[in-house]
Amino acid sequence: MNGGINWIAAYNYLFASLNSENKDLYVGGSTFCRMAQQVDPGSPRDTA
């Protein structure tokens, strides 16, 4: 299974997080990296 990541669960988590009311529609940079790290702690960190 692709590096041990359950991609369906990861997508569902990110979709629910991004599709919440009262949240910005665009998520990028360090905010996106922090969200990705919640799914896969080995994800790269935003160094900018």
N, C-alpha and C. Protein backbone atom coordinates (compact mmCIF):
# COMPACT_ATOMS: atom_id res chain seq x y z
N MET A 1 0.85 -1.19 0.00
CA MET A 1 0.00 0.00 0.00
C MET A 1 0.89 1.24 0.00
N ASN A 2 0.97 1.98 -1.02
CA ASN A 2 1.74 3.20 -1.22
C ASN A 2 2.39 3.81 0.02
N GLY A 3 3.46 3.23 0.50
CA GLY A 3 4.18 3.82 1.62
C GLY A 3 3.45 3.73 2.94
N GLY A 4 2.45 2.90 3.04
CA GLY A 4 1.72 2.73 4.29
C GLY A 4 0.68 3.80 4.57
N ILE A 5 0.44 4.68 3.62
CA ILE A 5 -0.55 5.74 3.82
C ILE A 5 -1.89 5.27 3.26
N ASN A 6 -2.93 5.39 4.05
CA ASN A 6 -4.27 5.10 3.58
C ASN A 6 -4.77 6.37 2.90
N TRP A 7 -4.64 6.43 1.58
CA TRP A 7 -4.93 7.66 0.85
C TRP A 7 -6.41 8.03 0.89
N ILE A 8 -7.29 7.05 0.98
CA ILE A 8 -8.72 7.36 1.07
C ILE A 8 -9.01 8.07 2.39
N ALA A 9 -8.46 7.56 3.48
CA ALA A 9 -8.65 8.20 4.78
C ALA A 9 -7.99 9.59 4.80
N ALA A 10 -6.81 9.71 4.19
CA ALA A 10 -6.12 11.00 4.15
C ALA A 10 -6.94 12.02 3.37
N TYR A 11 -7.46 11.62 2.21
CA TYR A 11 -8.28 12.53 1.40
C TYR A 11 -9.54 12.93 2.17
N ASN A 12 -10.21 11.96 2.77
CA ASN A 12 -11.43 12.26 3.52
C ASN A 12 -11.16 13.24 4.66
N TYR A 13 -10.04 13.07 5.35
CA TYR A 13 -9.68 13.97 6.44
C TYR A 13 -9.43 15.39 5.91
N LEU A 14 -8.62 15.49 4.86
CA LEU A 14 -8.30 16.80 4.31
C LEU A 14 -9.54 17.47 3.72
N PHE A 15 -10.38 16.69 3.02
CA PHE A 15 -11.59 17.27 2.44
C PHE A 15 -12.49 17.82 3.52
N ALA A 16 -12.69 17.06 4.59
CA ALA A 16 -13.55 17.52 5.69
C ALA A 16 -12.97 18.77 6.34
N SER A 17 -11.65 18.80 6.48
CA SER A 17 -10.99 19.96 7.10
C SER A 17 -11.09 21.20 6.22
N LEU A 18 -10.92 21.02 4.92
CA LEU A 18 -10.93 22.15 4.00
C LEU A 18 -12.34 22.59 3.64
N ASN A 19 -13.30 21.70 3.77
CA ASN A 19 -14.66 21.98 3.34
C ASN A 19 -15.55 22.43 4.49
N SER A 20 -14.97 22.91 5.57
CA SER A 20 -15.73 23.37 6.72
C SER A 20 -16.21 24.80 6.49
N GLU A 21 -17.32 25.15 7.11
CA GLU A 21 -17.81 26.52 7.01
C GLU A 21 -16.89 27.46 7.78
N ASN A 22 -16.91 28.72 7.40
CA ASN A 22 -16.13 29.77 8.05
C ASN A 22 -14.63 29.54 7.96
N LYS A 23 -14.18 28.88 6.91
CA LYS A 23 -12.75 28.69 6.70
C LYS A 23 -12.39 29.24 5.33
N ASP A 24 -11.13 29.64 5.19
CA ASP A 24 -10.65 30.11 3.90
C ASP A 24 -10.75 28.99 2.88
N LEU A 25 -11.03 29.35 1.63
CA LEU A 25 -11.14 28.35 0.58
C LEU A 25 -9.77 27.91 0.07
N TYR A 26 -8.78 28.78 0.19
CA TYR A 26 -7.43 28.45 -0.28
C TYR A 26 -6.56 28.13 0.92
N VAL A 27 -5.89 27.01 0.86
CA VAL A 27 -4.95 26.64 1.92
C VAL A 27 -3.64 26.30 1.24
N GLY A 28 -2.58 27.00 1.62
CA GLY A 28 -1.29 26.75 1.01
C GLY A 28 -0.17 27.01 1.99
N GLY A 29 1.03 26.76 1.54
CA GLY A 29 2.21 27.03 2.35
C GLY A 29 2.25 26.23 3.63
N SER A 30 2.60 26.91 4.72
CA SER A 30 2.79 26.22 6.00
C SER A 30 1.48 25.65 6.54
N THR A 31 0.34 26.28 6.24
CA THR A 31 -0.95 25.75 6.70
C THR A 31 -1.21 24.40 6.06
N PHE A 32 -0.96 24.29 4.75
CA PHE A 32 -1.15 23.01 4.07
C PHE A 32 -0.18 21.96 4.60
N CYS A 33 1.07 22.34 4.80
CA CYS A 33 2.07 21.39 5.30
C CYS A 33 1.67 20.86 6.68
N ARG A 34 1.17 21.72 7.56
CA ARG A 34 0.73 21.26 8.88
C ARG A 34 -0.42 20.28 8.76
N MET A 35 -1.35 20.53 7.84
CA MET A 35 -2.47 19.62 7.65
C MET A 35 -1.97 18.28 7.11
N ALA A 36 -1.04 18.31 6.16
CA ALA A 36 -0.50 17.08 5.60
C ALA A 36 0.25 16.28 6.66
N GLN A 37 0.96 16.96 7.56
CA GLN A 37 1.71 16.26 8.61
C GLN A 37 0.78 15.56 9.59
N GLN A 38 -0.46 16.02 9.74
CA GLN A 38 -1.41 15.33 10.61
C GLN A 38 -1.77 13.97 10.03
N VAL A 39 -1.72 13.85 8.70
CA VAL A 39 -2.01 12.58 8.04
C VAL A 39 -0.74 11.74 7.96
N ASP A 40 0.37 12.36 7.59
CA ASP A 40 1.65 11.65 7.44
C ASP A 40 2.74 12.48 8.11
N PRO A 41 3.13 12.11 9.35
CA PRO A 41 4.15 12.89 10.07
C PRO A 41 5.47 13.02 9.32
N GLY A 42 5.71 12.18 8.32
CA GLY A 42 6.95 12.25 7.55
C GLY A 42 6.88 13.25 6.40
N SER A 43 5.78 13.97 6.28
CA SER A 43 5.63 14.96 5.20
C SER A 43 6.65 16.09 5.37
N PRO A 44 7.08 16.68 4.26
CA PRO A 44 8.03 17.79 4.36
C PRO A 44 7.46 18.97 5.12
N ARG A 45 8.35 19.73 5.73
CA ARG A 45 7.94 20.94 6.45
C ARG A 45 8.17 22.14 5.54
N ASP A 46 7.36 23.17 5.73
CA ASP A 46 7.53 24.41 4.97
C ASP A 46 8.63 25.20 5.65
N THR A 47 9.71 25.46 4.93
CA THR A 47 10.85 26.15 5.52
C THR A 47 10.83 27.64 5.25
N ALA A 48 9.85 28.11 4.49
CA ALA A 48 9.80 29.54 4.15
C ALA A 48 9.26 30.35 5.29
